[in-house]
PDB file of N, CA and C in Angstrom:
ATOM      1  N   MET A   1     -23.658 -30.770 -15.036  1.00  0.00           N
ATOM      2  CA  MET A   1     -22.943 -31.300 -16.182  1.00  0.00           C
ATOM      3  C   MET A   1     -23.231 -30.428 -17.405  1.00  0.00           C
ATOM      4  N   PRO A   2     -22.207 -30.110 -18.168  1.00  0.00           N
ATOM      5  CA  PRO A   2     -22.375 -29.236 -19.334  1.00  0.00           C
ATOM      6  C   PRO A   2     -23.193 -29.901 -20.440  1.00  0.00           C
ATOM      7  N   ASP A   3     -23.828 -29.071 -21.271  1.00  0.00           N
ATOM      8  CA  ASP A   3     -24.535 -29.593 -22.442  1.00  0.00           C
ATOM      9  C   ASP A   3     -23.512 -30.022 -23.486  1.00  0.00           C
ATOM     10  N   ALA A   4     -23.667 -31.220 -24.015  1.00  0.00           N
ATOM     11  CA  ALA A   4     -22.719 -31.734 -25.003  1.00  0.00           C
ATOM     12  C   ALA A   4     -23.273 -31.578 -26.407  1.00  0.00           C
ATOM     13  N   ALA A   5     -22.431 -31.078 -27.307  1.00  0.00           N
ATOM     14  CA  ALA A   5     -22.793 -30.967 -28.721  1.00  0.00           C
ATOM     15  C   ALA A   5     -22.719 -32.336 -29.386  1.00  0.00           C
ATOM     16  N   LYS A   6     -21.868 -33.211 -28.845  1.00  0.00           N
ATOM     17  CA  LYS A   6     -21.686 -34.552 -29.406  1.00  0.00           C
ATOM     18  C   LYS A   6     -21.376 -35.513 -28.270  1.00  0.00           C
ATOM     19  N   VAL A   7     -21.893 -36.732 -28.379  1.00  0.00           N
ATOM     20  CA  VAL A   7     -21.604 -37.790 -27.410  1.00  0.00           C
ATOM     21  C   VAL A   7     -20.842 -38.894 -28.137  1.00  0.00           C
ATOM     22  N   VAL A   8     -19.718 -39.292 -27.576  1.00  0.00           N
ATOM     23  CA  VAL A   8     -18.934 -40.407 -28.110  1.00  0.00           C
ATOM     24  C   VAL A   8     -19.066 -41.561 -27.124  1.00  0.00           C
ATOM     25  N   ASP A   9     -19.650 -42.654 -27.586  1.00  0.00           N
ATOM     26  CA  ASP A   9     -19.847 -43.842 -26.750  1.00  0.00           C
ATOM     27  C   ASP A   9     -18.706 -44.815 -27.011  1.00  0.00           C
ATOM     28  N   ALA A  10     -17.735 -44.826 -26.099  1.00  0.00           N
ATOM     29  CA  ALA A  10     -16.591 -45.728 -26.232  1.00  0.00           C
ATOM     30  C   ALA A  10     -16.647 -46.828 -25.173  1.00  0.00           C
ATOM     31  N   LYS A  11     -17.836 -47.060 -24.613  1.00  0.00           N
ATOM     32  CA  LYS A  11     -17.975 -48.112 -23.602  1.00  0.00           C
ATOM     33  C   LYS A  11     -17.629 -49.466 -24.238  1.00  0.00           C
ATOM     34  N   GLY A  12     -16.826 -50.248 -23.532  1.00  0.00           N
ATOM     35  CA  GLY A  12     -16.422 -51.559 -24.038  1.00  0.00           C
ATOM     36  C   GLY A  12     -15.177 -51.509 -24.913  1.00  0.00           C
ATOM     37  N   GLN A  13     -14.742 -50.324 -25.290  1.00  0.00           N
ATOM     38  CA  GLN A  13     -13.539 -50.177 -26.108  1.00  0.00           C
ATOM     39  C   GLN A  13     -12.314 -50.119 -25.195  1.00  0.00           C
ATOM     40  N   THR A  14     -11.184 -50.626 -25.682  1.00  0.00           N
ATOM     41  CA  THR A  14      -9.948 -50.554 -24.909  1.00  0.00           C
ATOM     42  C   THR A  14      -8.934 -49.687 -25.639  1.00  0.00           C
ATOM     43  N   CYS A  15      -7.938 -49.261 -24.894  1.00  0.00           N
ATOM     44  CA  CYS A  15      -6.882 -48.401 -25.424  1.00  0.00           C
ATOM     45  C   CYS A  15      -6.298 -49.025 -26.689  1.00  0.00           C
ATOM     46  N   PRO A  16      -6.093 -48.251 -27.740  1.00  0.00           N
ATOM     47  CA  PRO A  16      -6.175 -46.791 -27.831  1.00  0.00           C
ATOM     48  C   PRO A  16      -7.499 -46.271 -28.394  1.00  0.00           C
ATOM     49  N   MET A  17      -8.504 -47.137 -28.541  1.00  0.00           N
ATOM     50  CA  MET A  17      -9.741 -46.733 -29.224  1.00  0.00           C
ATOM     51  C   MET A  17     -10.445 -45.530 -28.589  1.00  0.00           C
ATOM     52  N   PRO A  18     -10.600 -45.445 -27.254  1.00  0.00           N
ATOM     53  CA  PRO A  18     -11.278 -44.262 -26.705  1.00  0.00           C
ATOM     54  C   PRO A  18     -10.603 -42.945 -27.102  1.00  0.00           C
ATOM     55  N   VAL A  19      -9.268 -42.924 -27.113  1.00  0.00           N
ATOM     56  CA  VAL A  19      -8.551 -41.703 -27.504  1.00  0.00           C
ATOM     57  C   VAL A  19      -8.782 -41.418 -28.989  1.00  0.00           C
ATOM     58  N   LEU A  20      -8.698 -42.440 -29.821  1.00  0.00           N
ATOM     59  CA  LEU A  20      -8.910 -42.249 -31.262  1.00  0.00           C
ATOM     60  C   LEU A  20     -10.335 -41.791 -31.549  1.00  0.00           C
ATOM     61  N   MET A  21     -11.297 -42.363 -30.848  1.00  0.00           N
ATOM     62  CA  MET A  21     -12.706 -41.975 -31.034  1.00  0.00           C
ATOM     63  C   MET A  21     -12.940 -40.542 -30.563  1.00  0.00           C
ATOM     64  N   THR A  22     -12.257 -40.147 -29.482  1.00  0.00           N
ATOM     65  CA  THR A  22     -12.362 -38.780 -28.973  1.00  0.00           C
ATOM     66  C   THR A  22     -11.781 -37.796 -29.987  1.00  0.00           C
ATOM     67  N   ALA A  23     -10.618 -38.129 -30.526  1.00  0.00           N
ATOM     68  CA  ALA A  23      -9.960 -37.261 -31.508  1.00  0.00           C
ATOM     69  C   ALA A  23     -10.842 -37.079 -32.743  1.00  0.00           C
ATOM     70  N   LYS A  24     -11.471 -38.156 -33.192  1.00  0.00           N
ATOM     71  CA  LYS A  24     -12.369 -38.070 -34.344  1.00  0.00           C
ATOM     72  C   LYS A  24     -13.599 -37.222 -34.007  1.00  0.00           C
ATOM     73  N   GLY A  25     -14.170 -37.452 -32.838  1.00  0.00           N
ATOM     74  CA  GLY A  25     -15.370 -36.725 -32.428  1.00  0.00           C
ATOM     75  C   GLY A  25     -15.134 -35.239 -32.261  1.00  0.00           C
ATOM     76  N   ILE A  26     -13.973 -34.857 -31.748  1.00  0.00           N
ATOM     77  CA  ILE A  26     -13.693 -33.441 -31.494  1.00  0.00           C
ATOM     78  C   ILE A  26     -13.604 -32.674 -32.812  1.00  0.00           C
ATOM     79  N   LYS A  27     -13.217 -33.369 -33.889  1.00  0.00           N
ATOM     80  CA  LYS A  27     -13.129 -32.729 -35.212  1.00  0.00           C
ATOM     81  C   LYS A  27     -14.512 -32.417 -35.781  1.00  0.00           C
ATOM     82  N   GLU A  28     -15.530 -33.072 -35.233  1.00  0.00           N
ATOM     83  CA  GLU A  28     -16.887 -32.947 -35.771  1.00  0.00           C
ATOM     84  C   GLU A  28     -17.715 -31.874 -35.065  1.00  0.00           C
ATOM     85  N   ILE A  29     -17.113 -31.167 -34.095  1.00  0.00           N
ATOM     86  CA  ILE A  29     -17.835 -30.100 -33.399  1.00  0.00           C
ATOM     87  C   ILE A  29     -17.100 -28.780 -33.585  1.00  0.00           C
ATOM     88  N   GLU A  30     -17.778 -27.696 -33.259  1.00  0.00           N
ATOM     89  CA  GLU A  30     -17.204 -26.361 -33.415  1.00  0.00           C
ATOM     90  C   GLU A  30     -16.378 -25.981 -32.189  1.00  0.00           C
ATOM     91  N   SER A  31     -15.451 -25.053 -32.392  1.00  0.00           N
ATOM     92  CA  SER A  31     -14.645 -24.524 -31.297  1.00  0.00           C
ATOM     93  C   SER A  31     -15.565 -23.970 -30.205  1.00  0.00           C
ATOM     94  N   GLY A  32     -15.265 -24.321 -28.946  1.00  0.00           N
ATOM     95  CA  GLY A  32     -16.073 -23.863 -27.823  1.00  0.00           C
ATOM     96  C   GLY A  32     -17.183 -24.824 -27.432  1.00  0.00           C
ATOM     97  N   GLU A  33     -17.518 -25.763 -28.317  1.00  0.00           N
ATOM     98  CA  GLU A  33     -18.556 -26.751 -27.994  1.00  0.00           C
ATOM     99  C   GLU A  33     -17.971 -27.863 -27.122  1.00  0.00           C
ATOM    100  N   ILE A  34     -18.869 -28.619 -26.498  1.00  0.00           N
ATOM    101  CA  ILE A  34     -18.485 -29.687 -25.574  1.00  0.00           C
ATOM    102  C   ILE A  34     -18.715 -31.050 -26.207  1.00  0.00           C
ATOM    103  N   LEU A  35     -17.725 -31.920 -26.047  1.00  0.00           N
ATOM    104  CA  LEU A  35     -17.855 -33.324 -26.429  1.00  0.00           C
ATOM    105  C   LEU A  35     -17.944 -34.132 -25.135  1.00  0.00           C
ATOM    106  N   LEU A  36     -18.883 -35.047 -25.089  1.00  0.00           N
ATOM    107  CA  LEU A  36     -19.009 -35.962 -23.949  1.00  0.00           C
ATOM    108  C   LEU A  36     -18.511 -37.330 -24.379  1.00  0.00           C
ATOM    109  N   LEU A  37     -17.507 -37.823 -23.686  1.00  0.00           N
ATOM    110  CA  LEU A  37     -16.982 -39.166 -23.917  1.00  0.00           C
ATOM    111  C   LEU A  37     -17.442 -40.060 -22.780  1.00  0.00           C
ATOM    112  N   GLU A  38     -18.072 -41.191 -23.124  1.00  0.00           N
ATOM    113  CA  GLU A  38     -18.460 -42.195 -22.138  1.00  0.00           C
ATOM    114  C   GLU A  38     -17.587 -43.424 -22.379  1.00  0.00           C
ATOM    115  N   VAL A  39     -16.885 -43.874 -21.341  1.00  0.00           N
ATOM    116  CA  VAL A  39     -15.892 -44.930 -21.523  1.00  0.00           C
ATOM    117  C   VAL A  39     -15.817 -45.815 -20.271  1.00  0.00           C
ATOM    118  N   THR A  40     -15.473 -47.092 -20.484  1.00  0.00           N
ATOM    119  CA  THR A  40     -15.345 -48.028 -19.371  1.00  0.00           C
ATOM    120  C   THR A  40     -13.907 -48.485 -19.164  1.00  0.00           C
ATOM    121  N   ASP A  41     -13.001 -48.170 -20.086  1.00  0.00           N
ATOM    122  CA  ASP A  41     -11.607 -48.596 -19.989  1.00  0.00           C
ATOM    123  C   ASP A  41     -10.876 -47.764 -18.935  1.00  0.00           C
ATOM    124  N   ASN A  42     -10.322 -48.432 -17.906  1.00  0.00           N
ATOM    125  CA  ASN A  42      -9.640 -47.721 -16.821  1.00  0.00           C
ATOM    126  C   ASN A  42      -8.470 -46.874 -17.298  1.00  0.00           C
ATOM    127  N   GLY A  43      -7.856 -47.246 -18.410  1.00  0.00           N
ATOM    128  CA  GLY A  43      -6.746 -46.467 -18.948  1.00  0.00           C
ATOM    129  C   GLY A  43      -7.154 -45.053 -19.320  1.00  0.00           C
ATOM    130  N   ALA A  44      -8.439 -44.866 -19.613  1.00  0.00           N
ATOM    131  CA  ALA A  44      -8.933 -43.537 -19.999  1.00  0.00           C
ATOM    132  C   ALA A  44      -8.812 -42.545 -18.853  1.00  0.00           C
ATOM    133  N   ARG A  45      -8.760 -43.040 -17.633  1.00  0.00           N
ATOM    134  CA  ARG A  45      -8.668 -42.171 -16.454  1.00  0.00           C
ATOM    135  C   ARG A  45      -7.452 -41.238 -16.560  1.00  0.00           C
ATOM    136  N   SER A  46      -6.358 -41.754 -17.113  1.00  0.00           N
ATOM    137  CA  SER A  46      -5.166 -40.916 -17.305  1.00  0.00           C
ATOM    138  C   SER A  46      -4.998 -40.509 -18.774  1.00  0.00           C
ATOM    139  N   ASP A  47      -5.413 -41.377 -19.702  1.00  0.00           N
ATOM    140  CA  ASP A  47      -5.214 -41.098 -21.126  1.00  0.00           C
ATOM    141  C   ASP A  47      -5.988 -39.879 -21.619  1.00  0.00           C
ATOM    142  N   ILE A  48      -7.237 -39.737 -21.213  1.00  0.00           N
ATOM    143  CA  ILE A  48      -8.071 -38.651 -21.737  1.00  0.00           C
ATOM    144  C   ILE A  48      -7.614 -37.278 -21.225  1.00  0.00           C
ATOM    145  N   PRO A  49      -7.357 -37.115 -19.916  1.00  0.00           N
ATOM    146  CA  PRO A  49      -6.815 -35.820 -19.482  1.00  0.00           C
ATOM    147  C   PRO A  49      -5.485 -35.477 -20.175  1.00  0.00           C
ATOM    148  N   ALA A  50      -4.624 -36.473 -20.361  1.00  0.00           N
ATOM    149  CA  ALA A  50      -3.342 -36.246 -21.034  1.00  0.00           C
ATOM    150  C   ALA A  50      -3.571 -35.828 -22.482  1.00  0.00           C
ATOM    151  N   TRP A  51      -4.498 -36.504 -23.164  1.00  0.00           N
ATOM    152  CA  TRP A  51      -4.816 -36.158 -24.543  1.00  0.00           C
ATOM    153  C   TRP A  51      -5.342 -34.724 -24.633  1.00  0.00           C
ATOM    154  N   ALA A  52      -6.233 -34.354 -23.725  1.00  0.00           N
ATOM    155  CA  ALA A  52      -6.804 -33.002 -23.743  1.00  0.00           C
ATOM    156  C   ALA A  52      -5.697 -31.963 -23.587  1.00  0.00           C
ATOM    157  N   THR A  53      -4.782 -32.201 -22.647  1.00  0.00           N
ATOM    158  CA  THR A  53      -3.667 -31.273 -22.424  1.00  0.00           C
ATOM    159  C   THR A  53      -2.773 -31.177 -23.656  1.00  0.00           C
ATOM    160  N   GLN A  54      -2.435 -32.315 -24.231  1.00  0.00           N
ATOM    161  CA  GLN A  54      -1.543 -32.353 -25.396  1.00  0.00           C
ATOM    162  C   GLN A  54      -2.151 -31.655 -26.607  1.00  0.00           C
ATOM    163  N   THR A  55      -3.469 -31.708 -26.747  1.00  0.00           N
ATOM    164  CA  THR A  55      -4.125 -31.151 -27.932  1.00  0.00           C
ATOM    165  C   THR A  55      -4.635 -29.735 -27.701  1.00  0.00           C
ATOM    166  N   GLY A  56      -4.513 -29.232 -26.462  1.00  0.00           N
ATOM    167  CA  GLY A  56      -4.956 -27.873 -26.171  1.00  0.00           C
ATOM    168  C   GLY A  56      -6.448 -27.753 -25.923  1.00  0.00           C
ATOM    169  N   ASN A  57      -7.147 -28.883 -25.827  1.00  0.00           N
ATOM    170  CA  ASN A  57      -8.572 -28.862 -25.498  1.00  0.00           C
ATOM    171  C   ASN A  57      -8.721 -28.857 -23.979  1.00  0.00           C
ATOM    172  N   GLU A  58      -9.898 -28.474 -23.498  1.00  0.00           N
ATOM    173  CA  GLU A  58     -10.096 -28.320 -22.050  1.00  0.00           C
ATOM    174  C   GLU A  58     -10.981 -29.429 -21.494  1.00  0.00           C
ATOM    175  N   LEU A  59     -10.450 -30.155 -20.523  1.00  0.00           N
ATOM    176  CA  LEU A  59     -11.264 -31.130 -19.788  1.00  0.00           C
ATOM    177  C   LEU A  59     -12.052 -30.334 -18.757  1.00  0.00           C
ATOM    178  N   VAL A  60     -13.337 -30.144 -19.038  1.00  0.00           N
ATOM    179  CA  VAL A  60     -14.180 -29.286 -18.208  1.00  0.00           C
ATOM    180  C   VAL A  60     -14.597 -29.990 -16.935  1.00  0.00           C
ATOM    181  N   GLU A  61     -14.966 -31.259 -17.083  1.00  0.00           N
ATOM    182  CA  GLU A  61     -15.512 -32.007 -15.952  1.00  0.00           C
ATOM    183  C   GLU A  61     -15.372 -33.492 -16.244  1.00  0.00           C
ATOM    184  N   SER A  62     -15.265 -34.274 -15.188  1.00  0.00           N
ATOM    185  CA  SER A  62     -15.308 -35.726 -15.353  1.00  0.00           C
ATOM    186  C   SER A  62     -16.046 -36.311 -14.158  1.00  0.00           C
ATOM    187  N   GLU A  63     -16.698 -37.425 -14.396  1.00  0.00           N
ATOM    188  CA  GLU A  63     -17.436 -38.094 -13.327  1.00  0.00           C
ATOM    189  C   GLU A  63     -17.449 -39.583 -13.617  1.00  0.00           C
ATOM    190  N   GLU A  64     -17.741 -40.344 -12.596  1.00  0.00           N
ATOM    191  CA  GLU A  64     -17.786 -41.804 -12.755  1.00  0.00           C
ATOM    192  C   GLU A  64     -18.954 -42.351 -11.957  1.00  0.00           C
ATOM    193  N   ALA A  65     -19.728 -43.216 -12.610  1.00  0.00           N
ATOM    194  CA  ALA A  65     -20.854 -43.872 -11.942  1.00  0.00           C
ATOM    195  C   ALA A  65     -21.093 -45.226 -12.592  1.00  0.00           C
ATOM    196  N   ASP A  66     -21.293 -46.231 -11.776  1.00  0.00           N
ATOM    197  CA  ASP A  66     -21.608 -47.582 -12.266  1.00  0.00           C
ATOM    198  C   ASP A  66     -20.579 -48.090 -13.276  1.00  0.00           C
ATOM    199  N   GLY A  67     -19.311 -47.763 -13.049  1.00  0.00           N
ATOM    200  CA  GLY A  67     -18.249 -48.257 -13.917  1.00  0.00           C
ATOM    201  C   GLY A  67     -18.083 -47.507 -15.220  1.00  0.00           C
ATOM    202  N   VAL A  68     -18.869 -46.455 -15.423  1.00  0.00           N
ATOM    203  CA  VAL A  68     -18.762 -45.655 -16.649  1.00  0.00           C
ATOM    204  C   VAL A  68     -18.185 -44.285 -16.292  1.00  0.00           C
ATOM    205  N   MET A  69     -17.078 -43.942 -16.965  1.00  0.00           N
ATOM    206  CA  MET A  69     -16.477 -42.628 -16.784  1.00  0.00           C
ATOM    207  C   MET A  69     -17.013 -41.702 -17.867  1.00  0.00           C
ATOM    208  N   LYS A  70     -17.303 -40.469 -17.477  1.00  0.00           N
ATOM    209  CA  LYS A  70     -17.777 -39.461 -18.423  1.00  0.00           C
ATOM    210  C   LYS A  70     -16.809 -38.290 -18.385  1.00  0.00           C
ATOM    211  N   PHE A  71     -16.321 -37.926 -19.555  1.00  0.00           N
ATOM    212  CA  PHE A  71     -15.409 -36.792 -19.687  1.00  0.00           C
ATOM    213  C   PHE A  71     -16.050 -35.737 -20.569  1.00  0.00           C
ATOM    214  N   TYR A  72     -16.120 -34.521 -20.061  1.00  0.00           N
ATOM    215  CA  TYR A  72     -16.665 -33.393 -20.820  1.00  0.00           C
ATOM    216  C   TYR A  72     -15.486 -32.560 -21.293  1.00  0.00           C
ATOM    217  N   ILE A  73     -15.305 -32.477 -22.611  1.00  0.00           N
ATOM    218  CA  ILE A  73     -14.135 -31.827 -23.184  1.00  0.00           C
ATOM    219  C   ILE A  73     -14.581 -30.675 -24.079  1.00  0.00           C
ATOM    220  N   ARG A  74     -14.083 -29.466 -23.778  1.00  0.00           N
ATOM    221  CA  ARG A  74     -14.400 -28.289 -24.604  1.00  0.00           C
ATOM    222  C   ARG A  74     -13.347 -28.155 -25.680  1.00  0.00           C
ATOM    223  N   LYS A  75     -13.812 -28.076 -26.933  1.00  0.00           N
ATOM    224  CA  LYS A  75     -12.886 -27.924 -28.063  1.00  0.00           C
ATOM    225  C   LYS A  75     -12.245 -26.554 -28.020  1.00  0.00           C
ATOM    226  N   LYS A  76     -10.938 -26.523 -28.284  1.00  0.00           N
ATOM    227  CA  LYS A  76     -10.207 -25.251 -28.245  1.00  0.00           C
ATOM    228  C   LYS A  76     -10.655 -24.309 -29.351  1.00  0.00           C
TER     229      LYS A  76
END
């Protein structure tokens, strides 16, 4: 798993909050750095990859364990 410059904890949040929290968090890191989003909302499974594609950021890796999805996103 990549080293994250910032962790966004969106566990317990429902759509659209995880996407909004991700967008805010990505603005707080430098280009090339990694943001880690932790989320429990099933909608994020499709919403976060779509958001990354739409914004030109790179979804580096994703994993799921114990009901928590983790998305590693590299800022463009």
